[in-house]
């Protein structure tokens, strides 16, 4: 290469370098360097109580005005016609009113005859035989009801037993204010029958004595006042068993008023001698 060519290229390079430096200088002078960011200063906030807000009534919505009813479109016939008389079709009620009413005849229902129940002929009750001495004696209630033949002693035995006790205490009866238990008595018959009914309802054969086969007779003297109340009970003898004696006393204490004395009796008290007999699974009173 020639020296002239080299010099020419060198001049171009110098010119380019000069233009580059001028451009860099203009950039730094035109745009100043950015300032450093400083942290923002803290802001102070004062807290104050807010006043209570009273609820304000909500504004009522005004009802929208209803659209005016559209005017009814009147229909006219294409041609005007004159009718002699307008008549609407008759309703169902009017038609029913014009029809003749039918009278309802009540139907009589015949009752169905019920078959009669033929009751079997009742057996004729045997006539009551006169009570033999010693037969009309009380028996207390017991849990078991054995055979009737075993339930009562024989009438002969009871009659002898009753007679022996009556002979023993006949002297007290002869005094006038004491009597034996006799429901056929003319003066005290109804009173003594009420007494028998009351004793039958509360007197029992003690189960312990019944299971052990304990038997005996407890004679007692019962004193009544004019209202028919028992005011005193005297045990004349013991039956030999405390169980039987206690049952007799319990029965008389549980007995209520029997009723007033007969009108023909003027005494204030009435004494009765009765015999409570336990034997053969039952008890009898005379």
C-alpha atoms as a PDB file:
ATOM      1  CA  UNK A   1       0.000   0.000   0.000  1.00  0.00           C
ATOM      2  CA  UNK A   2       0.925   3.574  -0.586  1.00  0.00           C
ATOM      3  CA  UNK A   3       1.543   6.025   2.178  1.00  0.00           C
ATOM      4  CA  UNK A   4      -1.212   8.204   0.870  1.00  0.00           C
ATOM      5  CA  UNK A   5      -3.808   5.541   1.363  1.00  0.00           C
ATOM      6  CA  UNK A   6      -2.678   4.905   4.968  1.00  0.00           C
ATOM      7  CA  UNK A   7      -2.826   8.582   5.830  1.00  0.00           C
ATOM      8  CA  UNK A   8      -6.317   8.820   4.427  1.00  0.00           C
ATOM      9  CA  UNK A   9      -7.584   5.939   6.628  1.00  0.00           C
ATOM     10  CA  UNK A  10      -5.909   7.394   9.669  1.00  0.00           C
ATOM     11  CA  UNK A  11      -7.708  10.696   9.175  1.00  0.00           C
ATOM     12  CA  UNK A  12     -11.026   8.874   8.977  1.00  0.00           C
ATOM     13  CA  UNK A  13     -10.339   7.039  12.242  1.00  0.00           C
ATOM     14  CA  UNK A  14      -9.404  10.254  14.025  1.00  0.00           C
ATOM     15  CA  UNK A  15     -12.558  11.923  12.812  1.00  0.00           C
ATOM     16  CA  UNK A  16     -14.730   9.016  13.998  1.00  0.00           C
ATOM     17  CA  UNK A  17     -12.990   8.977  17.404  1.00  0.00           C
ATOM     18  CA  UNK A  18     -13.546  12.715  17.783  1.00  0.00           C
ATOM     19  CA  UNK A  19     -17.245  12.404  16.965  1.00  0.00           C
ATOM     20  CA  UNK A  20     -17.636   9.546  19.488  1.00  0.00           C
ATOM     21  CA  UNK A  21     -16.039  11.517  22.316  1.00  0.00           C
ATOM     22  CA  UNK A  22     -18.168  14.573  21.509  1.00  0.00           C
ATOM     23  CA  UNK A  23     -21.319  12.409  21.630  1.00  0.00           C
ATOM     24  CA  UNK A  24     -20.343  10.902  24.997  1.00  0.00           C
ATOM     25  CA  UNK A  25     -19.679  14.357  26.406  1.00  0.00           C
ATOM     26  CA  UNK A  26     -23.030  15.638  25.239  1.00  0.00           C
ATOM     27  CA  UNK A  27     -24.795  12.673  26.857  1.00  0.00           C
ATOM     28  CA  UNK A  28     -23.268  13.310  30.287  1.00  0.00           C
ATOM     29  CA  UNK A  29     -23.818  17.032  30.143  1.00  0.00           C
ATOM     30  CA  UNK A  30     -27.401  16.840  28.890  1.00  0.00           C
ATOM     31  CA  UNK A  31     -28.707  14.177  31.357  1.00  0.00           C
ATOM     32  CA  UNK A  32     -27.574  14.907  34.962  1.00  0.00           C
ATOM     33  CA  UNK A  33     -26.877  11.937  37.182  1.00  0.00           C
ATOM     34  CA  UNK A  34     -29.885  10.715  39.236  1.00  0.00           C
ATOM     35  CA  UNK A  35     -30.102  11.937  42.825  1.00  0.00           C
ATOM     36  CA  UNK A  36     -30.034   9.248  45.574  1.00  0.00           C
ATOM     37  CA  UNK A  37     -33.445   8.373  46.945  1.00  0.00           C
ATOM     38  CA  UNK A  38     -33.989   9.484  50.525  1.00  0.00           C
ATOM     39  CA  UNK A  39     -36.317   7.441  52.785  1.00  0.00           C
ATOM     40  CA  UNK A  40     -39.726   9.132  53.344  1.00  0.00           C
ATOM     41  CA  UNK A  41     -40.249  10.778  56.674  1.00  0.00           C
ATOM     42  CA  UNK A  42     -42.741   8.975  58.996  1.00  0.00           C
ATOM     43  CA  UNK A  43     -46.142  10.632  59.267  1.00  0.00           C
ATOM     44  CA  UNK A  44     -47.786  11.021  62.692  1.00  0.00           C
ATOM     45  CA  UNK A  45     -51.467  10.030  62.938  1.00  0.00           C
ATOM     46  CA  UNK A  46     -53.645  11.267  65.819  1.00  0.00           C
ATOM     47  CA  UNK A  47     -56.388   8.840  66.945  1.00  0.00           C
ATOM     48  CA  UNK A  48     -59.628  10.517  67.924  1.00  0.00           C
ATOM     49  CA  UNK A  49     -62.989   8.991  68.934  1.00  0.00           C
ATOM     50  CA  UNK A  50     -65.473   9.232  66.172  1.00  0.00           C
ATOM     51  CA  UNK A  51     -68.956  10.387  67.147  1.00  0.00           C
ATOM     52  CA  UNK A  52     -71.631   7.720  67.088  1.00  0.00           C
ATOM     53  CA  UNK A  53     -73.586   7.859  63.941  1.00  0.00           C
ATOM     54  CA  UNK A  54     -77.317   7.726  64.391  1.00  0.00           C
ATOM     55  CA  UNK A  55     -78.978   5.477  61.858  1.00  0.00           C
ATOM     56  CA  UNK A  56     -80.810   7.564  59.390  1.00  0.00           C
ATOM     57  CA  UNK A  57     -84.076   6.234  58.058  1.00  0.00           C
ATOM     58  CA  UNK A  58     -83.795   4.942  54.611  1.00  0.00           C
ATOM     59  CA  UNK A  59     -85.685   6.941  52.106  1.00  0.00           C
ATOM     60  CA  UNK A  60     -88.869   5.224  51.183  1.00  0.00           C
ATOM     61  CA  UNK A  61     -89.148   4.263  47.658  1.00  0.00           C
ATOM     62  CA  UNK A  62     -91.998   5.933  46.034  1.00  0.00           C
ATOM     63  CA  UNK A  63     -94.320   3.409  44.489  1.00  0.00           C
ATOM     64  CA  UNK A  64     -94.212   3.578  40.830  1.00  0.00           C
ATOM     65  CA  UNK A  65     -97.434   4.863  39.414  1.00  0.00           C
ATOM     66  CA  UNK A  66     -99.436   2.050  37.968  1.00  0.00           C
ATOM     67  CA  UNK A  67     -99.958   2.322  34.330  1.00  0.00           C
ATOM     68  CA  UNK A  68    -103.347   3.552  33.509  1.00  0.00           C
ATOM     69  CA  UNK A  69    -105.711   0.841  32.528  1.00  0.00           C
ATOM     70  CA  UNK A  70    -106.061   0.674  28.922  1.00  0.00           C
ATOM     71  CA  UNK A  71    -109.399   1.742  27.759  1.00  0.00           C
ATOM     72  CA  UNK A  72    -111.575  -1.145  26.911  1.00  0.00           C
ATOM     73  CA  UNK A  73    -111.915  -1.520  23.244  1.00  0.00           C
ATOM     74  CA  UNK A  74    -115.529  -1.408  22.360  1.00  0.00           C
ATOM     75  CA  UNK A  75    -116.511  -3.716  19.684  1.00  0.00           C
ATOM     76  CA  UNK A  76    -119.270  -2.773  17.414  1.00  0.00           C
ATOM     77  CA  UNK A  77    -121.010  -4.922  14.934  1.00  0.00           C
ATOM     78  CA  UNK A  78    -120.327  -4.230  11.386  1.00  0.00           C
ATOM     79  CA  UNK A  79    -123.998  -3.415  10.955  1.00  0.00           C
ATOM     80  CA  UNK A  80    -126.290  -2.004  13.565  1.00  0.00           C
ATOM     81  CA  UNK A  81    -129.178  -4.294  14.397  1.00  0.00           C
ATOM     82  CA  UNK A  82    -132.161  -3.691  16.645  1.00  0.00           C
ATOM     83  CA  UNK A  83    -133.133  -6.609  18.876  1.00  0.00           C
ATOM     84  CA  UNK A  84    -136.635  -6.886  20.263  1.00  0.00           C
ATOM     85  CA  UNK A  85    -135.388  -7.883  23.754  1.00  0.00           C
ATOM     86  CA  UNK A  86    -132.021  -8.929  25.008  1.00  0.00           C
ATOM     87  CA  UNK A  87    -132.073 -12.194  26.935  1.00  0.00           C
ATOM     88  CA  UNK A  88    -129.095 -13.741  28.639  1.00  0.00           C
ATOM     89  CA  UNK A  89    -128.859 -17.528  28.799  1.00  0.00           C
ATOM     90  CA  UNK A  90    -130.419 -18.901  31.932  1.00  0.00           C
ATOM     91  CA  UNK A  91    -128.061 -20.209  34.566  1.00  0.00           C
ATOM     92  CA  UNK A  92    -128.135 -23.651  36.100  1.00  0.00           C
ATOM     93  CA  UNK A  93    -129.843 -22.418  39.261  1.00  0.00           C
ATOM     94  CA  UNK A  94    -132.660 -20.901  37.251  1.00  0.00           C
ATOM     95  CA  UNK A  95    -133.135 -24.134  35.307  1.00  0.00           C
ATOM     96  CA  UNK A  96    -133.210 -26.140  38.541  1.00  0.00           C
ATOM     97  CA  UNK A  97    -135.759 -23.740  39.997  1.00  0.00           C
ATOM     98  CA  UNK A  98    -138.075 -24.214  37.025  1.00  0.00           C
ATOM     99  CA  UNK A  99    -137.947 -28.002  37.203  1.00  0.00           C
ATOM    100  CA  UNK A 100    -140.629 -29.624  39.387  1.00  0.00           C
ATOM    101  CA  UNK A 101    -139.308 -30.665  42.780  1.00  0.00           C
ATOM    102  CA  UNK A 102    -139.445 -34.333  43.551  1.00  0.00           C
ATOM    103  CA  UNK A 103    -140.514 -35.199  47.057  1.00  0.00           C
ATOM    104  CA  UNK A 104    -138.139 -37.581  48.769  1.00  0.00           C
ATOM    105  CA  UNK A 105    -140.009 -40.391  50.419  1.00  0.00           C
ATOM    106  CA  UNK A 106    -138.084 -41.746  53.397  1.00  0.00           C
ATOM    107  CA  UNK A 107    -137.602 -45.454  53.224  1.00  0.00           C
ATOM    108  CA  UNK A 108    -138.425 -47.327  56.363  1.00  0.00           C
ATOM    109  CA  UNK A 109    -135.834 -49.946  57.158  1.00  0.00           C
ATOM    110  CA  UNK A 110    -137.251 -52.983  58.808  1.00  0.00           C
ATOM    111  CA  UNK A 111    -135.286 -54.116  61.843  1.00  0.00           C
ATOM    112  CA  UNK A 112    -133.702 -57.484  61.470  1.00  0.00           C
ATOM    113  CA  UNK A 113    -135.290 -59.799  63.990  1.00  0.00           C
ATOM    114  CA  UNK A 114    -132.683 -61.081  66.398  1.00  0.00           C
ATOM    115  CA  UNK A 115    -133.002 -64.685  67.426  1.00  0.00           C
ATOM    116  CA  UNK A 116    -134.204 -65.048  70.952  1.00  0.00           C
ATOM    117  CA  UNK A 117    -131.802 -66.693  73.284  1.00  0.00           C
ATOM    118  CA  UNK A 118    -133.559 -69.490  74.990  1.00  0.00           C
ATOM    119  CA  UNK A 119    -132.333 -69.614  78.543  1.00  0.00           C
ATOM    120  CA  UNK A 120    -131.989 -73.121  79.910  1.00  0.00           C
ATOM    121  CA  UNK A 121    -134.651 -73.968  82.442  1.00  0.00           C
ATOM    122  CA  UNK A 122    -133.379 -73.285  85.902  1.00  0.00           C
ATOM    123  CA  UNK A 123    -133.383 -76.163  88.212  1.00  0.00           C
ATOM    124  CA  UNK A 124    -135.903 -75.844  90.949  1.00  0.00           C
ATOM    125  CA  UNK A 125    -134.196 -74.759  94.128  1.00  0.00           C
ATOM    126  CA  UNK A 126    -134.724 -77.244  96.903  1.00  0.00           C
ATOM    127  CA  UNK A 127    -136.725 -75.979  99.793  1.00  0.00           C
ATOM    128  CA  UNK A 128    -134.680 -75.017 102.802  1.00  0.00           C
ATOM    129  CA  UNK A 129    -134.857 -77.545 105.531  1.00  0.00           C
ATOM    130  CA  UNK A 130    -135.105 -76.421 109.145  1.00  0.00           C
ATOM    131  CA  UNK A 131    -131.671 -75.851 110.654  1.00  0.00           C
ATOM    132  CA  UNK A 132    -130.747 -78.514 113.104  1.00  0.00           C
ATOM    133  CA  UNK A 133    -129.053 -77.564 116.385  1.00  0.00           C
ATOM    134  CA  UNK A 134    -125.379 -76.880 115.757  1.00  0.00           C
ATOM    135  CA  UNK A 135    -125.760 -76.640 111.951  1.00  0.00           C
ATOM    136  CA  UNK A 136    -125.990 -72.841 111.541  1.00  0.00           C
ATOM    137  CA  UNK A 137    -122.449 -72.093 112.703  1.00  0.00           C
ATOM    138  CA  UNK A 138    -119.979 -69.630 111.202  1.00  0.00           C
ATOM    139  CA  UNK A 139    -116.853 -70.750 109.409  1.00  0.00           C
ATOM    140  CA  UNK A 140    -113.915 -68.400 108.771  1.00  0.00           C
ATOM    141  CA  UNK A 141    -112.426 -67.903 105.329  1.00  0.00           C
ATOM    142  CA  UNK A 142    -109.527 -70.178 104.436  1.00  0.00           C
ATOM    143  CA  UNK A 143    -107.127 -70.241 101.520  1.00  0.00           C
ATOM    144  CA  UNK A 144    -108.049 -73.802 100.503  1.00  0.00           C
ATOM    145  CA  UNK A 145    -111.608 -75.134 100.262  1.00  0.00           C
ATOM    146  CA  UNK A 146    -111.533 -78.884 100.915  1.00  0.00           C
ATOM    147  CA  UNK A 147    -114.359 -81.310 100.528  1.00  0.00           C
ATOM    148  CA  UNK A 148    -117.557 -80.212 102.223  1.00  0.00           C
ATOM    149  CA  UNK A 149    -117.774 -83.462 104.164  1.00  0.00           C
ATOM    150  CA  UNK A 150    -114.346 -82.784 105.668  1.00  0.00           C
ATOM    151  CA  UNK A 151    -115.004 -79.091 106.173  1.00  0.00           C
ATOM    152  CA  UNK A 152    -117.569 -79.325 108.991  1.00  0.00           C
ATOM    153  CA  UNK A 153    -117.817 -81.647 111.924  1.00  0.00           C
ATOM    154  CA  UNK A 154    -120.944 -83.714 112.101  1.00  0.00           C
ATOM    155  CA  UNK A 155    -124.124 -82.024 113.293  1.00  0.00           C
ATOM    156  CA  UNK A 156    -124.345 -84.437 116.235  1.00  0.00           C
ATOM    157  CA  UNK A 157    -120.849 -83.581 117.415  1.00  0.00           C
ATOM    158  CA  UNK A 158    -121.454 -79.851 117.078  1.00  0.00           C
ATOM    159  CA  UNK A 159    -124.734 -80.121 118.940  1.00  0.00           C
ATOM    160  CA  UNK A 160    -123.042 -81.913 121.844  1.00  0.00           C
ATOM    161  CA  UNK A 161    -120.205 -79.383 121.872  1.00  0.00           C
ATOM    162  CA  UNK A 162    -122.603 -76.455 121.818  1.00  0.00           C
ATOM    163  CA  UNK A 163    -124.748 -77.914 124.573  1.00  0.00           C
ATOM    164  CA  UNK A 164    -121.743 -78.466 126.831  1.00  0.00           C
ATOM    165  CA  UNK A 165    -120.687 -74.823 126.536  1.00  0.00           C
ATOM    166  CA  UNK A 166    -124.231 -73.564 127.033  1.00  0.00           C
ATOM    167  CA  UNK A 167    -124.589 -75.597 130.232  1.00  0.00           C
ATOM    168  CA  UNK A 168    -121.304 -74.191 131.469  1.00  0.00           C
ATOM    169  CA  UNK A 169    -122.318 -70.532 131.044  1.00  0.00           C
ATOM    170  CA  UNK A 170    -126.089 -70.826 131.514  1.00  0.00           C
ATOM    171  CA  UNK A 171    -125.915 -69.157 134.906  1.00  0.00           C
ATOM    172  CA  UNK A 172    -124.743 -65.877 133.340  1.00  0.00           C
ATOM    173  CA  UNK A 173    -127.536 -65.945 130.762  1.00  0.00           C
ATOM    174  CA  UNK A 174    -130.211 -66.459 133.393  1.00  0.00           C
ATOM    175  CA  UNK A 175    -129.309 -63.132 135.011  1.00  0.00           C
ATOM    176  CA  UNK A 176    -131.187 -61.327 132.216  1.00  0.00           C
ATOM    177  CA  UNK A 177    -128.696 -58.957 130.533  1.00  0.00           C
ATOM    178  CA  UNK A 178    -126.634 -61.688 128.788  1.00  0.00           C
ATOM    179  CA  UNK A 179    -127.728 -63.937 125.933  1.00  0.00           C
ATOM    180  CA  UNK A 180    -126.377 -66.710 123.753  1.00  0.00           C
ATOM    181  CA  UNK A 181    -125.957 -66.251 120.006  1.00  0.00           C
ATOM    182  CA  UNK A 182    -129.362 -67.276 118.643  1.00  0.00           C
ATOM    183  CA  UNK A 183    -130.533 -65.700 115.392  1.00  0.00           C
ATOM    184  CA  UNK A 184    -134.072 -66.992 116.017  1.00  0.00           C
ATOM    185  CA  UNK A 185    -134.408 -64.825 119.114  1.00  0.00           C
ATOM    186  CA  UNK A 186    -137.676 -62.880 118.991  1.00  0.00           C
ATOM    187  CA  UNK A 187    -136.209 -59.638 120.326  1.00  0.00           C
ATOM    188  CA  UNK A 188    -132.568 -59.689 119.130  1.00  0.00           C
ATOM    189  CA  UNK A 189    -132.933 -61.857 116.001  1.00  0.00           C
ATOM    190  CA  UNK A 190    -132.194 -59.089 113.442  1.00  0.00           C
ATOM    191  CA  UNK A 191    -129.397 -57.656 115.584  1.00  0.00           C
ATOM    192  CA  UNK A 192    -127.660 -61.025 115.876  1.00  0.00           C
ATOM    193  CA  UNK A 193    -128.048 -61.727 112.141  1.00  0.00           C
ATOM    194  CA  UNK A 194    -126.260 -58.455 111.365  1.00  0.00           C
ATOM    195  CA  UNK A 195    -123.539 -59.486 113.795  1.00  0.00           C
ATOM    196  CA  UNK A 196    -123.108 -62.850 112.061  1.00  0.00           C
ATOM    197  CA  UNK A 197    -122.815 -61.162 108.656  1.00  0.00           C
ATOM    198  CA  UNK A 198    -120.143 -58.789 109.940  1.00  0.00           C
ATOM    199  CA  UNK A 199    -118.109 -61.555 111.597  1.00  0.00           C
ATOM    200  CA  UNK A 200    -118.231 -63.737 108.483  1.00  0.00           C
ATOM    201  CA  UNK A 201    -116.646 -60.905 106.462  1.00  0.00           C
ATOM    202  CA  UNK A 202    -113.502 -60.529 108.600  1.00  0.00           C
ATOM    203  CA  UNK A 203    -112.970 -63.877 110.366  1.00  0.00           C
ATOM    204  CA  UNK A 204    -110.327 -66.234 108.922  1.00  0.00           C
ATOM    205  CA  UNK A 205    -108.826 -69.540 109.919  1.00  0.00           C
ATOM    206  CA  UNK A 206    -105.130 -68.734 110.550  1.00  0.00           C
ATOM    207  CA  UNK A 207    -102.979 -70.349 107.894  1.00  0.00           C
ATOM    208  CA  UNK A 208    -100.316 -71.386 110.411  1.00  0.00           C
ATOM    209  CA  UNK A 209    -102.890 -73.190 112.561  1.00  0.00           C
ATOM    210  CA  UNK A 210    -104.545 -74.750 109.523  1.00  0.00           C
ATOM    211  CA  UNK A 211    -101.270 -76.223 108.249  1.00  0.00           C
ATOM    212  CA  UNK A 212    -100.416 -77.614 111.679  1.00  0.00           C
ATOM    213  CA  UNK A 213    -103.913 -79.000 112.234  1.00  0.00           C
ATOM    214  CA  UNK A 214    -104.510 -76.918 115.384  1.00  0.00           C
ATOM    215  CA  UNK A 215    -108.131 -77.000 116.572  1.00  0.00           C
ATOM    216  CA  UNK A 216    -109.989 -75.489 119.509  1.00  0.00           C
ATOM    217  CA  UNK A 217    -112.890 -73.381 120.768  1.00  0.00           C
ATOM    218  CA  UNK A 218    -112.643 -69.836 122.177  1.00  0.00           C
ATOM    219  CA  UNK A 219    -115.676 -68.655 124.197  1.00  0.00           C
ATOM    220  CA  UNK A 220    -115.941 -64.861 124.557  1.00  0.00           C
ATOM    221  CA  UNK A 221    -118.324 -62.378 126.163  1.00  0.00           C
ATOM    222  CA  UNK A 222    -119.017 -59.333 123.936  1.00  0.00           C
ATOM    223  CA  UNK A 223    -120.506 -56.132 125.383  1.00  0.00           C
ATOM    224  CA  UNK A 224    -122.325 -53.663 123.068  1.00  0.00           C
ATOM    225  CA  UNK A 225    -123.588 -50.128 123.683  1.00  0.00           C
ATOM    226  CA  UNK A 226    -126.887 -48.827 122.331  1.00  0.00           C
ATOM    227  CA  UNK A 227    -125.235 -47.757 119.033  1.00  0.00           C
ATOM    228  CA  UNK A 228    -124.221 -51.357 118.398  1.00  0.00           C
ATOM    229  CA  UNK A 229    -120.515 -50.735 119.017  1.00  0.00           C
ATOM    230  CA  UNK A 230    -118.350 -53.290 120.803  1.00  0.00           C
ATOM    231  CA  UNK A 231    -117.051 -51.660 123.966  1.00  0.00           C
ATOM    232  CA  UNK A 232    -115.566 -54.724 125.691  1.00  0.00           C
ATOM    233  CA  UNK A 233    -114.455 -58.279 124.855  1.00  0.00           C
ATOM    234  CA  UNK A 234    -113.798 -60.829 127.627  1.00  0.00           C
ATOM    235  CA  UNK A 235    -112.183 -64.155 126.748  1.00  0.00           C
ATOM    236  CA  UNK A 236    -113.881 -66.684 129.029  1.00  0.00           C
ATOM    237  CA  UNK A 237    -111.489 -69.527 128.186  1.00  0.00           C
ATOM    238  CA  UNK A 238    -108.517 -70.127 125.938  1.00  0.00           C
ATOM    239  CA  UNK A 239    -108.710 -72.530 123.045  1.00  0.00           C
ATOM    240  CA  UNK A 240    -105.266 -73.806 123.947  1.00  0.00           C
ATOM    241  CA  UNK A 241    -103.670 -72.005 120.977  1.00  0.00           C
ATOM    242  CA  UNK A 242    -102.581 -68.359 121.049  1.00  0.00           C
ATOM    243  CA  UNK A 243    -102.921 -68.189 117.262  1.00  0.00           C
ATOM    244  CA  UNK A 244    -106.635 -69.041 117.414  1.00  0.00           C
ATOM    245  CA  UNK A 245    -107.315 -66.720 120.356  1.00  0.00           C
ATOM    246  CA  UNK A 246    -105.558 -63.781 118.687  1.00  0.00           C
ATOM    247  CA  UNK A 247    -107.582 -64.295 115.509  1.00  0.00           C
ATOM    248  CA  UNK A 248    -110.836 -64.083 117.505  1.00  0.00           C
ATOM    249  CA  UNK A 249    -109.749 -60.835 119.176  1.00  0.00           C
ATOM    250  CA  UNK A 250    -108.576 -59.401 115.849  1.00  0.00           C
ATOM    251  CA  UNK A 251    -111.934 -60.215 114.249  1.00  0.00           C
ATOM    252  CA  UNK A 252    -113.931 -58.481 116.983  1.00  0.00           C
ATOM    253  CA  UNK A 253    -111.668 -55.412 116.956  1.00  0.00           C
ATOM    254  CA  UNK A 254    -112.041 -55.099 113.177  1.00  0.00           C
ATOM    255  CA  UNK A 255    -115.830 -55.353 113.382  1.00  0.00           C
ATOM    256  CA  UNK A 256    -117.698 -52.072 112.956  1.00  0.00           C
ATOM    257  CA  UNK A 257    -120.989 -50.986 114.549  1.00  0.00           C
ATOM    258  CA  UNK A 258    -123.681 -53.632 114.190  1.00  0.00           C
ATOM    259  CA  UNK A 259    -126.649 -51.311 114.561  1.00  0.00           C
ATOM    260  CA  UNK A 260    -128.924 -50.000 117.266  1.00  0.00           C
ATOM    261  CA  UNK A 261    -130.730 -52.212 119.764  1.00  0.00           C
ATOM    262  CA  UNK A 262    -134.351 -53.276 119.239  1.00  0.00           C
ATOM    263  CA  UNK A 263    -136.942 -50.758 120.394  1.00  0.00           C
ATOM    264  CA  UNK A 264    -138.275 -53.124 123.025  1.00  0.00           C
ATOM    265  CA  UNK A 265    -134.895 -53.314 124.797  1.00  0.00           C
ATOM    266  CA  UNK A 266    -134.366 -50.518 127.352  1.00  0.00           C
ATOM    267  CA  UNK A 267    -130.939 -51.407 128.704  1.00  0.00           C
ATOM    268  CA  UNK A 268    -127.854 -49.288 128.001  1.00  0.00           C
ATOM    269  CA  UNK A 269    -125.646 -52.300 127.235  1.00  0.00           C
ATOM    270  CA  UNK A 270    -126.132 -55.770 125.825  1.00  0.00           C
ATOM    271  CA  UNK A 271    -123.895 -58.773 126.531  1.00  0.00           C
ATOM    272  CA  UNK A 272    -123.526 -61.745 124.216  1.00  0.00           C
ATOM    273  CA  UNK A 273    -121.733 -65.056 124.791  1.00  0.00           C
ATOM    274  CA  UNK A 274    -120.401 -66.581 121.550  1.00  0.00           C
ATOM    275  CA  UNK A 275    -118.245 -69.624 120.855  1.00  0.00           C
ATOM    276  CA  UNK A 276    -115.597 -69.461 118.084  1.00  0.00           C
ATOM    277  CA  UNK A 277    -114.882 -73.068 117.125  1.00  0.00           C
ATOM    278  CA  UNK A 278    -111.947 -74.116 114.899  1.00  0.00           C
ATOM    279  CA  UNK A 279    -111.869 -77.655 113.616  1.00  0.00           C
ATOM    280  CA  UNK A 280    -111.583 -79.878 110.512  1.00  0.00           C
ATOM    281  CA  UNK A 281    -110.157 -77.040 108.394  1.00  0.00           C
ATOM    282  CA  UNK A 282    -112.919 -74.545 109.212  1.00  0.00           C
ATOM    283  CA  UNK A 283    -114.346 -72.454 112.005  1.00  0.00           C
ATOM    284  CA  UNK A 284    -117.846 -72.015 113.364  1.00  0.00           C
ATOM    285  CA  UNK A 285    -119.472 -69.510 115.643  1.00  0.00           C
ATOM    286  CA  UNK A 286    -122.307 -70.216 118.103  1.00  0.00           C
END
